[in-house]
C-alpha atoms as a PDB file:
ATOM      1  CA  PRO A   1       0.000   0.000   0.000  1.00  0.00           C
ATOM      2  CA  VAL A   2       1.353   3.414  -1.013  1.00  0.00           C
ATOM      3  CA  LEU A   3       0.478   6.888   0.258  1.00  0.00           C
ATOM      4  CA  LYS A   4       1.091   9.481  -2.472  1.00  0.00           C
ATOM      5  CA  LEU A   5       1.095  13.243  -1.932  1.00  0.00           C
ATOM      6  CA  ILE A   6       1.284  15.682  -4.853  1.00  0.00           C
ATOM      7  CA  ALA A   7       1.808  19.420  -4.421  1.00  0.00           C
ATOM      8  CA  SER A   8      -0.179  21.760  -6.661  1.00  0.00           C
ATOM      9  CA  ASP A   9       1.810  24.690  -5.262  1.00  0.00           C
ATOM     10  CA  ARG A  10       4.622  25.134  -2.766  1.00  0.00           C
ATOM     11  CA  ALA A  11       3.462  23.675   0.572  1.00  0.00           C
ATOM     12  CA  TRP A  12       5.076  22.784   3.887  1.00  0.00           C
ATOM     13  CA  LEU A  13       4.311  19.282   5.114  1.00  0.00           C
ATOM     14  CA  LYS A  14       5.125  17.094   8.114  1.00  0.00           C
ATOM     15  CA  ILE A  15       4.332  13.381   8.362  1.00  0.00           C
ATOM     16  CA  ILE A  16       4.540  11.581  11.705  1.00  0.00           C
ATOM     17  CA  SER A  17       4.376   7.827  12.286  1.00  0.00           C
ATOM     18  CA  GLU A  18       4.560   6.232  15.728  1.00  0.00           C
ATOM     19  CA  ASP A  19       5.724   9.555  17.267  1.00  0.00           C
ATOM     20  CA  LYS A  20       8.615   9.826  14.775  1.00  0.00           C
ATOM     21  CA  ILE A  21       8.917  12.426  12.024  1.00  0.00           C
ATOM     22  CA  ILE A  22       9.279  10.522   8.765  1.00  0.00           C
ATOM     23  CA  PHE A  23       9.153  13.621   6.553  1.00  0.00           C
ATOM     24  CA  GLU A  24       9.254  17.355   7.152  1.00  0.00           C
ATOM     25  CA  GLY A  25       9.867  19.814   4.380  1.00  0.00           C
ATOM     26  CA  ILE A  26       8.483  21.767   1.475  1.00  0.00           C
ATOM     27  CA  LEU A  27       6.966  20.127  -1.561  1.00  0.00           C
ATOM     28  CA  PHE A  28       7.153  22.286  -4.670  1.00  0.00           C
ATOM     29  CA  ASN A  29       4.602  22.560  -7.474  1.00  0.00           C
ATOM     30  CA  GLY A  30       4.286  19.174  -9.171  1.00  0.00           C
ATOM     31  CA  GLU A  31       6.560  17.421  -6.679  1.00  0.00           C
ATOM     32  CA  GLU A  32       5.399  14.028  -5.440  1.00  0.00           C
ATOM     33  CA  TYR A  33       6.087  12.241  -2.170  1.00  0.00           C
ATOM     34  CA  PHE A  34       5.548   8.484  -1.849  1.00  0.00           C
ATOM     35  CA  TRP A  35       5.460   6.446   1.336  1.00  0.00           C
ATOM     36  CA  GLU A  36       4.857   2.712   1.396  1.00  0.00           C
ATOM     37  CA  THR A  37       2.926   2.072   4.583  1.00  0.00           C
ATOM     38  CA  ASP A  38       0.160   0.268   6.348  1.00  0.00           C
ATOM     39  CA  GLN A  39       0.719   2.301   9.533  1.00  0.00           C
ATOM     40  CA  ILE A  40      -1.337   5.094  11.031  1.00  0.00           C
ATOM     41  CA  LEU A  41       0.142   8.467  10.024  1.00  0.00           C
ATOM     42  CA  GLU A  42      -0.418  12.054  11.070  1.00  0.00           C
ATOM     43  CA  ILE A  43      -0.253  14.470   8.127  1.00  0.00           C
ATOM     44  CA  ILE A  44       0.283  18.113   9.131  1.00  0.00           C
ATOM     45  CA  THR A  45       0.251  21.090   6.761  1.00  0.00           C
ATOM     46  CA  GLU A  46      -0.709  24.756   6.588  1.00  0.00           C
ATOM     47  CA  TYR A  47      -2.290  24.489   3.152  1.00  0.00           C
ATOM     48  CA  PRO A  48      -4.249  21.257   2.598  1.00  0.00           C
ATOM     49  CA  THR A  49      -5.788  22.672  -0.591  1.00  0.00           C
ATOM     50  CA  LYS A  50      -2.314  22.675  -2.176  1.00  0.00           C
ATOM     51  CA  ILE A  51      -1.814  18.936  -1.617  1.00  0.00           C
ATOM     52  CA  GLU A  52      -3.529  16.053  -3.365  1.00  0.00           C
ATOM     53  CA  ALA A  53      -3.421  12.833  -1.339  1.00  0.00           C
ATOM     54  CA  TYR A  54      -3.953   9.269  -2.534  1.00  0.00           C
ATOM     55  CA  TYR A  55      -3.758   5.873  -0.881  1.00  0.00           C
ATOM     56  CA  ASP A  56      -3.362   3.100  -3.455  1.00  0.00           C
ATOM     57  CA  ASP A  57      -4.670   5.564  -6.083  1.00  0.00           C
ATOM     58  CA  GLU A  58      -7.856   6.294  -4.063  1.00  0.00           C
ATOM     59  CA  SER A  59      -8.272  10.009  -3.308  1.00  0.00           C
ATOM     60  CA  ILE A  60      -8.100  11.094   0.353  1.00  0.00           C
ATOM     61  CA  GLU A  61      -9.649  14.355   1.609  1.00  0.00           C
ATOM     62  CA  ILE A  62      -6.929  15.552   3.992  1.00  0.00           C
ATOM     63  CA  GLY A  63      -8.776  18.881   4.315  1.00  0.00           C
ATOM     64  CA  LYS A  64     -11.219  17.091   6.622  1.00  0.00           C
ATOM     65  CA  GLY A  65      -8.672  17.068   9.445  1.00  0.00           C
ATOM     66  CA  THR A  66      -8.651  19.297  12.518  1.00  0.00           C
ATOM     67  CA  VAL A  67      -7.110  22.775  12.655  1.00  0.00           C
ATOM     68  CA  ASP A  68      -4.906  23.791  15.589  1.00  0.00           C
ATOM     69  CA  ASN A  69      -2.800  26.979  15.579  1.00  0.00           C
ATOM     70  CA  TYR A  70      -3.359  27.419  11.825  1.00  0.00           C
ATOM     71  CA  LEU A  71      -2.038  23.915  11.086  1.00  0.00           C
ATOM     72  CA  LEU A  72      -4.266  21.183   9.740  1.00  0.00           C
ATOM     73  CA  LYS A  73      -3.771  17.719  11.232  1.00  0.00           C
ATOM     74  CA  TYR A  74      -5.166  14.744   9.360  1.00  0.00           C
ATOM     75  CA  ASN A  75      -4.998  11.344  11.028  1.00  0.00           C
ATOM     76  CA  PHE A  76      -4.477   8.816   8.265  1.00  0.00           C
ATOM     77  CA  ASN A  77      -5.504   5.277   9.164  1.00  0.00           C
ATOM     78  CA  PRO A  78      -5.104   2.799   6.275  1.00  0.00           C
ATOM     79  CA  THR A  79      -7.741   0.450   7.664  1.00  0.00           C
ATOM     80  CA  GLN A  80     -10.319   3.257   7.730  1.00  0.00           C
ATOM     81  CA  ASN A  81      -9.269   5.071   4.550  1.00  0.00           C
ATOM     82  CA  ILE A  82      -9.649   2.200   2.085  1.00  0.00           C
END
């Protein structure tokens, strides 16, 4: 199973798995990030509208996460998202 994130504009992103940061940085327009996982992840970003998210090519609405201090947190759970 693969999580794929695609930036439609420059966007900061942090991905946490099991309390460890597995990615933190800026994705640029058109840049893609892939992560092979079946683990629960926390996806954090300021601009969820600038990021398209897919899990095994199925679209995920990360904009439905919770906002805290202007950052959106989306809890990604593969067993619930497929």
